[in-house]
C-alpha atoms as a PDB file:
ATOM      1  CA  UNK A   1     -50.632  13.418  20.317  1.00  0.00           C
ATOM      2  CA  UNK A   2     -51.782  11.578  17.166  1.00  0.00           C
ATOM      3  CA  UNK A   3     -48.847  12.661  15.102  1.00  0.00           C
ATOM      4  CA  UNK A   4     -46.381  11.768  17.813  1.00  0.00           C
ATOM      5  CA  UNK A   5     -48.081   8.367  18.033  1.00  0.00           C
ATOM      6  CA  UNK A   6     -47.762   7.888  14.295  1.00  0.00           C
ATOM      7  CA  UNK A   7     -44.081   8.641  14.613  1.00  0.00           C
ATOM      8  CA  UNK A   8     -43.558   6.073  17.475  1.00  0.00           C
ATOM      9  CA  UNK A   9     -45.319   3.487  15.359  1.00  0.00           C
ATOM     10  CA  UNK A  10     -42.733   3.920  12.714  1.00  0.00           C
ATOM     11  CA  UNK A  11     -45.187   4.772   9.959  1.00  0.00           C
ATOM     12  CA  UNK A  12     -43.459   6.225   6.955  1.00  0.00           C
ATOM     13  CA  UNK A  13     -44.845   9.171   5.018  1.00  0.00           C
ATOM     14  CA  UNK A  14     -46.043   6.951   2.122  1.00  0.00           C
ATOM     15  CA  UNK A  15     -47.468   4.155   4.289  1.00  0.00           C
ATOM     16  CA  UNK A  16     -51.152   3.699   5.510  1.00  0.00           C
ATOM     17  CA  UNK A  17     -51.597   4.264   9.198  1.00  0.00           C
ATOM     18  CA  UNK A  18     -52.835   1.323  11.294  1.00  0.00           C
ATOM     19  CA  UNK A  19     -56.611   1.009  11.730  1.00  0.00           C
ATOM     20  CA  UNK A  20     -56.689   2.050  15.446  1.00  0.00           C
ATOM     21  CA  UNK A  21     -54.729   5.184  14.698  1.00  0.00           C
ATOM     22  CA  UNK A  22     -57.021   5.982  11.754  1.00  0.00           C
ATOM     23  CA  UNK A  23     -59.948   5.644  13.974  1.00  0.00           C
ATOM     24  CA  UNK A  24     -58.473   8.244  16.304  1.00  0.00           C
ATOM     25  CA  UNK A  25     -58.006  10.505  13.435  1.00  0.00           C
ATOM     26  CA  UNK A  26     -61.576  10.048  12.132  1.00  0.00           C
ATOM     27  CA  UNK A  27     -62.822  10.826  15.686  1.00  0.00           C
ATOM     28  CA  UNK A  28     -60.776  13.972  15.832  1.00  0.00           C
ATOM     29  CA  UNK A  29     -62.066  15.161  12.398  1.00  0.00           C
ATOM     30  CA  UNK A  30     -65.651  14.359  13.336  1.00  0.00           C
ATOM     31  CA  UNK A  31     -65.342  16.672  16.316  1.00  0.00           C
ATOM     32  CA  UNK A  32     -63.528  19.399  14.412  1.00  0.00           C
ATOM     33  CA  UNK A  33     -66.790  21.181  13.476  1.00  0.00           C
ATOM     34  CA  UNK A  34     -67.609  21.809  17.171  1.00  0.00           C
ATOM     35  CA  UNK A  35     -64.638  24.166  17.364  1.00  0.00           C
ATOM     36  CA  UNK A  36     -66.969  26.900  15.852  1.00  0.00           C
ATOM     37  CA  UNK A  37     -69.223  26.443  18.864  1.00  0.00           C
ATOM     38  CA  UNK A  38     -66.559  27.153  21.456  1.00  0.00           C
ATOM     39  CA  UNK A  39     -66.994  30.735  22.690  1.00  0.00           C
ATOM     40  CA  UNK A  40     -64.293  32.436  24.867  1.00  0.00           C
ATOM     41  CA  UNK A  41     -65.377  35.986  26.022  1.00  0.00           C
ATOM     42  CA  UNK A  42     -62.722  38.582  25.127  1.00  0.00           C
ATOM     43  CA  UNK A  43     -63.618  40.815  28.186  1.00  0.00           C
ATOM     44  CA  UNK A  44     -61.853  39.722  31.325  1.00  0.00           C
ATOM     45  CA  UNK A  45     -63.184  42.642  33.455  1.00  0.00           C
ATOM     46  CA  UNK A  46     -59.534  43.722  34.016  1.00  0.00           C
ATOM     47  CA  UNK A  47     -59.040  47.042  35.884  1.00  0.00           C
ATOM     48  CA  UNK A  48     -55.664  48.568  36.804  1.00  0.00           C
ATOM     49  CA  UNK A  49     -57.163  49.705  40.109  1.00  0.00           C
ATOM     50  CA  UNK A  50     -59.314  46.733  40.894  1.00  0.00           C
ATOM     51  CA  UNK A  51     -58.718  43.729  43.088  1.00  0.00           C
ATOM     52  CA  UNK A  52     -56.907  41.514  40.365  1.00  0.00           C
ATOM     53  CA  UNK A  53     -55.126  38.315  41.070  1.00  0.00           C
ATOM     54  CA  UNK A  54     -53.573  35.480  38.980  1.00  0.00           C
ATOM     55  CA  UNK A  55     -54.507  31.833  39.593  1.00  0.00           C
ATOM     56  CA  UNK A  56     -52.657  28.971  37.835  1.00  0.00           C
ATOM     57  CA  UNK A  57     -52.967  25.214  37.504  1.00  0.00           C
ATOM     58  CA  UNK A  58     -50.630  22.567  36.108  1.00  0.00           C
ATOM     59  CA  UNK A  59     -50.903  18.838  35.502  1.00  0.00           C
ATOM     60  CA  UNK A  60     -49.339  15.994  33.496  1.00  0.00           C
ATOM     61  CA  UNK A  61     -50.112  12.554  32.066  1.00  0.00           C
ATOM     62  CA  UNK A  62     -48.034  10.072  30.206  1.00  0.00           C
ATOM     63  CA  UNK A  63     -49.096  11.771  27.052  1.00  0.00           C
ATOM     64  CA  UNK A  64     -48.660  15.556  27.821  1.00  0.00           C
ATOM     65  CA  UNK A  65     -48.255  18.233  30.409  1.00  0.00           C
ATOM     66  CA  UNK A  66     -50.238  21.516  30.620  1.00  0.00           C
ATOM     67  CA  UNK A  67     -50.607  24.869  32.409  1.00  0.00           C
ATOM     68  CA  UNK A  68     -53.628  27.127  32.677  1.00  0.00           C
ATOM     69  CA  UNK A  69     -53.680  30.707  33.966  1.00  0.00           C
ATOM     70  CA  UNK A  70     -56.775  32.505  35.087  1.00  0.00           C
ATOM     71  CA  UNK A  71     -57.422  36.178  35.951  1.00  0.00           C
ATOM     72  CA  UNK A  72     -59.689  36.769  38.879  1.00  0.00           C
ATOM     73  CA  UNK A  73     -61.214  40.230  39.233  1.00  0.00           C
ATOM     74  CA  UNK A  74     -63.186  41.129  42.357  1.00  0.00           C
ATOM     75  CA  UNK A  75     -65.521  44.129  42.222  1.00  0.00           C
ATOM     76  CA  UNK A  76     -67.983  45.409  44.813  1.00  0.00           C
ATOM     77  CA  UNK A  77     -70.711  43.072  43.846  1.00  0.00           C
ATOM     78  CA  UNK A  78     -69.208  40.279  41.732  1.00  0.00           C
ATOM     79  CA  UNK A  79     -66.173  38.065  41.146  1.00  0.00           C
ATOM     80  CA  UNK A  80     -65.095  37.213  37.573  1.00  0.00           C
ATOM     81  CA  UNK A  81     -62.803  34.444  36.684  1.00  0.00           C
ATOM     82  CA  UNK A  82     -61.577  34.152  33.042  1.00  0.00           C
ATOM     83  CA  UNK A  83     -59.266  31.895  31.239  1.00  0.00           C
ATOM     84  CA  UNK A  84     -56.306  34.174  30.252  1.00  0.00           C
ATOM     85  CA  UNK A  85     -53.687  31.686  28.827  1.00  0.00           C
ATOM     86  CA  UNK A  86     -53.220  27.987  28.525  1.00  0.00           C
ATOM     87  CA  UNK A  87     -50.299  25.920  27.167  1.00  0.00           C
ATOM     88  CA  UNK A  88     -49.542  22.283  26.524  1.00  0.00           C
ATOM     89  CA  UNK A  89     -46.659  20.176  25.476  1.00  0.00           C
ATOM     90  CA  UNK A  90     -46.539  16.631  24.472  1.00  0.00           C
ATOM     91  CA  UNK A  91     -44.425  14.278  26.609  1.00  0.00           C
ATOM     92  CA  UNK A  92     -40.888  13.505  25.404  1.00  0.00           C
ATOM     93  CA  UNK A  93     -40.530  10.418  23.214  1.00  0.00           C
ATOM     94  CA  UNK A  94     -38.065   9.018  25.633  1.00  0.00           C
ATOM     95  CA  UNK A  95     -40.051   7.651  28.637  1.00  0.00           C
ATOM     96  CA  UNK A  96     -39.659   9.587  31.886  1.00  0.00           C
ATOM     97  CA  UNK A  97     -41.458   9.086  35.187  1.00  0.00           C
ATOM     98  CA  UNK A  98     -44.849  10.768  35.868  1.00  0.00           C
ATOM     99  CA  UNK A  99     -43.489  12.819  38.787  1.00  0.00           C
ATOM    100  CA  UNK A 100     -40.805  14.220  36.389  1.00  0.00           C
ATOM    101  CA  UNK A 101     -43.497  15.081  33.828  1.00  0.00           C
ATOM    102  CA  UNK A 102     -45.585  16.754  36.702  1.00  0.00           C
ATOM    103  CA  UNK A 103     -42.490  18.828  37.436  1.00  0.00           C
ATOM    104  CA  UNK A 104     -42.218  19.850  33.780  1.00  0.00           C
ATOM    105  CA  UNK A 105     -45.870  20.974  33.988  1.00  0.00           C
ATOM    106  CA  UNK A 106     -44.889  23.152  37.007  1.00  0.00           C
ATOM    107  CA  UNK A 107     -42.108  24.691  35.070  1.00  0.00           C
ATOM    108  CA  UNK A 108     -44.419  25.345  32.241  1.00  0.00           C
ATOM    109  CA  UNK A 109     -46.799  27.069  34.606  1.00  0.00           C
ATOM    110  CA  UNK A 110     -44.063  29.175  36.146  1.00  0.00           C
ATOM    111  CA  UNK A 111     -42.941  30.351  32.748  1.00  0.00           C
ATOM    112  CA  UNK A 112     -46.560  31.164  31.601  1.00  0.00           C
ATOM    113  CA  UNK A 113     -47.245  33.004  34.745  1.00  0.00           C
ATOM    114  CA  UNK A 114     -44.114  35.068  34.472  1.00  0.00           C
ATOM    115  CA  UNK A 115     -45.065  36.017  30.870  1.00  0.00           C
ATOM    116  CA  UNK A 116     -48.593  36.951  31.963  1.00  0.00           C
ATOM    117  CA  UNK A 117     -47.484  39.134  34.835  1.00  0.00           C
ATOM    118  CA  UNK A 118     -44.883  40.936  32.765  1.00  0.00           C
ATOM    119  CA  UNK A 119     -47.589  41.993  30.263  1.00  0.00           C
ATOM    120  CA  UNK A 120     -50.085  43.261  32.779  1.00  0.00           C
ATOM    121  CA  UNK A 121     -49.837  46.900  33.938  1.00  0.00           C
ATOM    122  CA  UNK A 122     -49.571  46.034  37.691  1.00  0.00           C
ATOM    123  CA  UNK A 123     -46.537  46.262  39.885  1.00  0.00           C
ATOM    124  CA  UNK A 124     -47.794  43.552  42.197  1.00  0.00           C
ATOM    125  CA  UNK A 125     -50.277  40.807  41.622  1.00  0.00           C
ATOM    126  CA  UNK A 126     -51.619  38.317  44.249  1.00  0.00           C
ATOM    127  CA  UNK A 127     -50.556  34.824  43.001  1.00  0.00           C
ATOM    128  CA  UNK A 128     -51.794  31.408  43.820  1.00  0.00           C
ATOM    129  CA  UNK A 129     -50.768  28.144  42.079  1.00  0.00           C
ATOM    130  CA  UNK A 130     -51.958  24.582  42.235  1.00  0.00           C
ATOM    131  CA  UNK A 131     -50.800  21.071  41.244  1.00  0.00           C
ATOM    132  CA  UNK A 132     -52.340  17.642  42.093  1.00  0.00           C
ATOM    133  CA  UNK A 133     -48.858  16.118  42.628  1.00  0.00           C
ATOM    134  CA  UNK A 134     -47.802  15.952  46.238  1.00  0.00           C
ATOM    135  CA  UNK A 135     -44.420  14.790  45.081  1.00  0.00           C
ATOM    136  CA  UNK A 136     -43.841  18.056  43.234  1.00  0.00           C
ATOM    137  CA  UNK A 137     -44.989  19.988  46.257  1.00  0.00           C
ATOM    138  CA  UNK A 138     -42.492  18.093  48.424  1.00  0.00           C
ATOM    139  CA  UNK A 139     -39.719  19.018  45.888  1.00  0.00           C
ATOM    140  CA  UNK A 140     -40.859  22.613  46.003  1.00  0.00           C
ATOM    141  CA  UNK A 141     -40.818  22.822  49.805  1.00  0.00           C
ATOM    142  CA  UNK A 142     -37.019  22.145  49.897  1.00  0.00           C
ATOM    143  CA  UNK A 143     -33.969  23.834  48.436  1.00  0.00           C
ATOM    144  CA  UNK A 144     -33.186  22.739  44.850  1.00  0.00           C
ATOM    145  CA  UNK A 145     -29.829  21.410  45.989  1.00  0.00           C
ATOM    146  CA  UNK A 146     -31.617  18.691  48.019  1.00  0.00           C
ATOM    147  CA  UNK A 147     -32.634  16.850  44.823  1.00  0.00           C
ATOM    148  CA  UNK A 148     -31.187  15.114  41.774  1.00  0.00           C
ATOM    149  CA  UNK A 149     -29.752  17.140  38.822  1.00  0.00           C
ATOM    150  CA  UNK A 150     -33.005  16.791  36.842  1.00  0.00           C
ATOM    151  CA  UNK A 151     -35.235  18.167  39.569  1.00  0.00           C
ATOM    152  CA  UNK A 152     -32.702  20.569  40.935  1.00  0.00           C
ATOM    153  CA  UNK A 153     -32.376  22.416  37.559  1.00  0.00           C
ATOM    154  CA  UNK A 154     -36.057  22.764  37.070  1.00  0.00           C
ATOM    155  CA  UNK A 155     -36.654  23.755  40.695  1.00  0.00           C
ATOM    156  CA  UNK A 156     -34.284  26.661  40.220  1.00  0.00           C
ATOM    157  CA  UNK A 157     -36.327  27.848  37.312  1.00  0.00           C
ATOM    158  CA  UNK A 158     -39.585  27.656  39.338  1.00  0.00           C
ATOM    159  CA  UNK A 159     -38.202  29.499  42.304  1.00  0.00           C
ATOM    160  CA  UNK A 160     -36.591  32.170  40.079  1.00  0.00           C
ATOM    161  CA  UNK A 161     -39.790  32.832  38.216  1.00  0.00           C
ATOM    162  CA  UNK A 162     -42.642  32.487  40.837  1.00  0.00           C
ATOM    163  CA  UNK A 163     -41.030  31.558  44.011  1.00  0.00           C
ATOM    164  CA  UNK A 164     -42.010  28.442  46.221  1.00  0.00           C
ATOM    165  CA  UNK A 165     -44.397  30.009  48.609  1.00  0.00           C
ATOM    166  CA  UNK A 166     -47.515  30.172  46.612  1.00  0.00           C
ATOM    167  CA  UNK A 167     -47.988  26.554  45.670  1.00  0.00           C
ATOM    168  CA  UNK A 168     -50.932  24.405  46.887  1.00  0.00           C
ATOM    169  CA  UNK A 169     -52.597  20.984  46.409  1.00  0.00           C
ATOM    170  CA  UNK A 170     -55.742  20.490  44.383  1.00  0.00           C
ATOM    171  CA  UNK A 171     -57.663  17.286  43.644  1.00  0.00           C
ATOM    172  CA  UNK A 172     -57.586  16.083  39.930  1.00  0.00           C
ATOM    173  CA  UNK A 173     -61.332  16.675  39.546  1.00  0.00           C
ATOM    174  CA  UNK A 174     -60.930  20.385  40.224  1.00  0.00           C
ATOM    175  CA  UNK A 175     -57.848  20.865  38.188  1.00  0.00           C
ATOM    176  CA  UNK A 176     -58.575  22.371  34.691  1.00  0.00           C
ATOM    177  CA  UNK A 177     -55.092  21.504  33.467  1.00  0.00           C
ATOM    178  CA  UNK A 178     -55.973  17.948  33.866  1.00  0.00           C
ATOM    179  CA  UNK A 179     -58.312  18.302  30.891  1.00  0.00           C
ATOM    180  CA  UNK A 180     -55.415  19.571  28.732  1.00  0.00           C
ATOM    181  CA  UNK A 181     -52.935  17.019  29.768  1.00  0.00           C
ATOM    182  CA  UNK A 182     -55.180  14.083  28.974  1.00  0.00           C
ATOM    183  CA  UNK A 183     -56.778  15.422  25.843  1.00  0.00           C
ATOM    184  CA  UNK A 184     -60.336  16.555  25.228  1.00  0.00           C
ATOM    185  CA  UNK A 185     -62.629  16.472  22.230  1.00  0.00           C
ATOM    186  CA  UNK A 186     -63.863  19.776  20.821  1.00  0.00           C
ATOM    187  CA  UNK A 187     -67.382  18.690  21.500  1.00  0.00           C
ATOM    188  CA  UNK A 188     -66.659  18.288  25.241  1.00  0.00           C
ATOM    189  CA  UNK A 189     -65.172  21.817  25.473  1.00  0.00           C
ATOM    190  CA  UNK A 190     -68.253  23.640  24.258  1.00  0.00           C
ATOM    191  CA  UNK A 191     -69.967  23.810  27.707  1.00  0.00           C
ATOM    192  CA  UNK A 192     -67.016  23.049  29.918  1.00  0.00           C
ATOM    193  CA  UNK A 193     -67.012  25.696  32.716  1.00  0.00           C
ATOM    194  CA  UNK A 194     -64.095  24.066  34.508  1.00  0.00           C
ATOM    195  CA  UNK A 195     -61.910  24.906  31.529  1.00  0.00           C
ATOM    196  CA  UNK A 196     -63.251  28.436  30.880  1.00  0.00           C
ATOM    197  CA  UNK A 197     -63.466  29.709  34.461  1.00  0.00           C
ATOM    198  CA  UNK A 198     -61.517  27.249  36.595  1.00  0.00           C
ATOM    199  CA  UNK A 199     -62.967  25.377  39.647  1.00  0.00           C
ATOM    200  CA  UNK A 200     -66.187  26.871  40.984  1.00  0.00           C
ATOM    201  CA  UNK A 201     -64.658  27.715  44.370  1.00  0.00           C
ATOM    202  CA  UNK A 202     -62.464  30.461  42.736  1.00  0.00           C
ATOM    203  CA  UNK A 203     -65.694  32.550  42.500  1.00  0.00           C
ATOM    204  CA  UNK A 204     -66.228  32.177  46.188  1.00  0.00           C
ATOM    205  CA  UNK A 205     -64.539  33.742  49.246  1.00  0.00           C
ATOM    206  CA  UNK A 206     -60.923  32.638  49.659  1.00  0.00           C
ATOM    207  CA  UNK A 207     -61.752  30.805  52.942  1.00  0.00           C
ATOM    208  CA  UNK A 208     -63.470  28.116  50.748  1.00  0.00           C
ATOM    209  CA  UNK A 209     -60.600  27.613  48.543  1.00  0.00           C
ATOM    210  CA  UNK A 210     -58.323  24.552  48.282  1.00  0.00           C
ATOM    211  CA  UNK A 211     -55.253  25.880  50.002  1.00  0.00           C
ATOM    212  CA  UNK A 212     -53.568  22.835  51.341  1.00  0.00           C
ATOM    213  CA  UNK A 213     -49.969  23.562  52.291  1.00  0.00           C
ATOM    214  CA  UNK A 214     -48.968  20.559  54.219  1.00  0.00           C
ATOM    215  CA  UNK A 215     -45.394  19.523  54.763  1.00  0.00           C
ATOM    216  CA  UNK A 216     -45.193  16.963  52.012  1.00  0.00           C
ATOM    217  CA  UNK A 217     -42.288  14.584  52.236  1.00  0.00           C
ATOM    218  CA  UNK A 218     -40.715  12.385  49.689  1.00  0.00           C
ATOM    219  CA  UNK A 219     -37.397  10.575  49.015  1.00  0.00           C
ATOM    220  CA  UNK A 220     -37.968  10.333  45.243  1.00  0.00           C
ATOM    221  CA  UNK A 221     -35.096  12.033  43.396  1.00  0.00           C
ATOM    222  CA  UNK A 222     -33.384  12.844  46.700  1.00  0.00           C
ATOM    223  CA  UNK A 223     -29.694  13.635  46.297  1.00  0.00           C
ATOM    224  CA  UNK A 224     -27.667  10.835  47.675  1.00  0.00           C
ATOM    225  CA  UNK A 225     -24.557  11.380  49.788  1.00  0.00           C
ATOM    226  CA  UNK A 226     -21.818   8.630  49.577  1.00  0.00           C
ATOM    227  CA  UNK A 227     -19.830   8.273  52.864  1.00  0.00           C
ATOM    228  CA  UNK A 228     -16.860   6.013  53.281  1.00  0.00           C
ATOM    229  CA  UNK A 229     -17.333   3.485  56.089  1.00  0.00           C
ATOM    230  CA  UNK A 230     -15.301   3.129  59.129  1.00  0.00           C
ATOM    231  CA  UNK A 231     -11.874   1.376  58.845  1.00  0.00           C
ATOM    232  CA  UNK A 232     -11.333  -1.835  60.701  1.00  0.00           C
ATOM    233  CA  UNK A 233      -9.451  -1.758  63.891  1.00  0.00           C
ATOM    234  CA  UNK A 234      -6.144  -3.081  62.501  1.00  0.00           C
ATOM    235  CA  UNK A 235      -6.093  -0.302  59.954  1.00  0.00           C
ATOM    236  CA  UNK A 236      -6.540   2.508  62.400  1.00  0.00           C
ATOM    237  CA  UNK A 237      -4.147   1.621  65.151  1.00  0.00           C
ATOM    238  CA  UNK A 238      -0.402   2.538  65.091  1.00  0.00           C
ATOM    239  CA  UNK A 239       2.007  -0.230  63.863  1.00  0.00           C
ATOM    240  CA  UNK A 240       5.330  -0.825  62.219  1.00  0.00           C
ATOM    241  CA  UNK A 241       5.476   0.827  58.763  1.00  0.00           C
ATOM    242  CA  UNK A 242       3.762  -1.168  55.968  1.00  0.00           C
ATOM    243  CA  UNK A 243       2.416  -3.714  58.410  1.00  0.00           C
ATOM    244  CA  UNK A 244      -1.167  -3.031  57.581  1.00  0.00           C
ATOM    245  CA  UNK A 245      -2.207  -1.948  54.090  1.00  0.00           C
ATOM    246  CA  UNK A 246      -5.392  -2.250  52.149  1.00  0.00           C
ATOM    247  CA  UNK A 247      -7.655  -1.164  49.353  1.00  0.00           C
ATOM    248  CA  UNK A 248     -10.781   0.849  50.003  1.00  0.00           C
ATOM    249  CA  UNK A 249     -13.769   0.746  47.681  1.00  0.00           C
ATOM    250  CA  UNK A 250     -16.034   3.811  47.342  1.00  0.00           C
ATOM    251  CA  UNK A 251     -18.894   4.407  45.059  1.00  0.00           C
ATOM    252  CA  UNK A 252     -21.184   4.590  43.171  1.00  0.00           C
ATOM    253  CA  UNK A 253     -19.977   7.895  41.659  1.00  0.00           C
ATOM    254  CA  UNK A 254     -22.306  10.387  40.052  1.00  0.00           C
ATOM    255  CA  UNK A 255     -20.694  11.929  36.945  1.00  0.00           C
ATOM    256  CA  UNK A 256     -21.933  14.483  34.529  1.00  0.00           C
ATOM    257  CA  UNK A 257     -22.236  13.490  30.910  1.00  0.00           C
ATOM    258  CA  UNK A 258     -22.555  15.739  27.776  1.00  0.00           C
ATOM    259  CA  UNK A 259     -24.615  12.962  26.145  1.00  0.00           C
ATOM    260  CA  UNK A 260     -27.024  11.896  28.792  1.00  0.00           C
ATOM    261  CA  UNK A 261     -28.174  14.043  31.716  1.00  0.00           C
ATOM    262  CA  UNK A 262     -28.157  12.302  35.170  1.00  0.00           C
ATOM    263  CA  UNK A 263     -25.667   9.641  33.997  1.00  0.00           C
ATOM    264  CA  UNK A 264     -24.702   7.399  36.911  1.00  0.00           C
ATOM    265  CA  UNK A 265     -21.619   5.254  36.686  1.00  0.00           C
ATOM    266  CA  UNK A 266     -22.168   2.605  39.358  1.00  0.00           C
ATOM    267  CA  UNK A 267     -18.614   1.290  39.289  1.00  0.00           C
ATOM    268  CA  UNK A 268     -15.655   3.088  40.689  1.00  0.00           C
ATOM    269  CA  UNK A 269     -12.818   2.399  42.903  1.00  0.00           C
ATOM    270  CA  UNK A 270     -10.581   4.580  45.081  1.00  0.00           C
ATOM    271  CA  UNK A 271      -7.366   3.022  46.120  1.00  0.00           C
ATOM    272  CA  UNK A 272      -5.975   4.154  49.397  1.00  0.00           C
ATOM    273  CA  UNK A 273      -2.579   2.901  50.785  1.00  0.00           C
ATOM    274  CA  UNK A 274      -2.692   3.040  54.572  1.00  0.00           C
ATOM    275  CA  UNK A 275       0.728   3.593  56.192  1.00  0.00           C
ATOM    276  CA  UNK A 276       0.525   4.016  60.004  1.00  0.00           C
ATOM    277  CA  UNK A 277       3.745   4.321  61.757  1.00  0.00           C
ATOM    278  CA  UNK A 278       4.098   4.460  65.443  1.00  0.00           C
ATOM    279  CA  UNK A 279       6.176   7.550  66.550  1.00  0.00           C
ATOM    280  CA  UNK A 280       9.359   7.488  68.538  1.00  0.00           C
ATOM    281  CA  UNK A 281       9.042   6.389  72.047  1.00  0.00           C
ATOM    282  CA  UNK A 282      10.004   8.944  74.787  1.00  0.00           C
END
């Protein structure tokens, strides 16, 4: 995040960074020594014959988006939840909306989960995924073709990799991916159980989990359908040839562009010549 910020400021390689950016760098370096204190157990209690499930979380901020995947193993007496894999990505330099960034986080989670599942020696794994974005959940609930090109393409990836039936809502305070998307100092990670084991309710019975699957609705990024309005009466009744003519306007038109995705050209005109002729009388 710091390096991207330096690039956005336009600082050249042989220039001194601004004081505020330098302060951020010094804070990062001062916390660097705490990395040696972060302990992540290698044993995740995985058993090919045990009750094993995958739990995933995703989140986004204006700075980055992230995904975390946990392995939950249930034995006769205990439940073990372990951080298996986490990924982050800085937000694009070009500003995009927060719901779109949240969707990018969901795609990252789907790709990460697919990678984990393919590397575990299990033919079937119980899967539950969470996001704190109700807009993303609304997008997931409907077919990809219901949404704009940007959303539709990414929704197809999600459905292809993990489906759309296992997604739930979680509050930001219980979302471990929120820590990664906003950034966290090494000192704050040393004793952070939310990051290492996920929300505490994952170690309880499933009846206490956050499994909100409401029918979320949104019109954001909804695919628009342009319909031509009704013609005036004088244009839709029979008359002598060329008595009534006119020009119809239709638009805006959505057009694909090889340069910019989702390019919309708001001006377009369709010229229609109306010729209505009354048939021969009998």
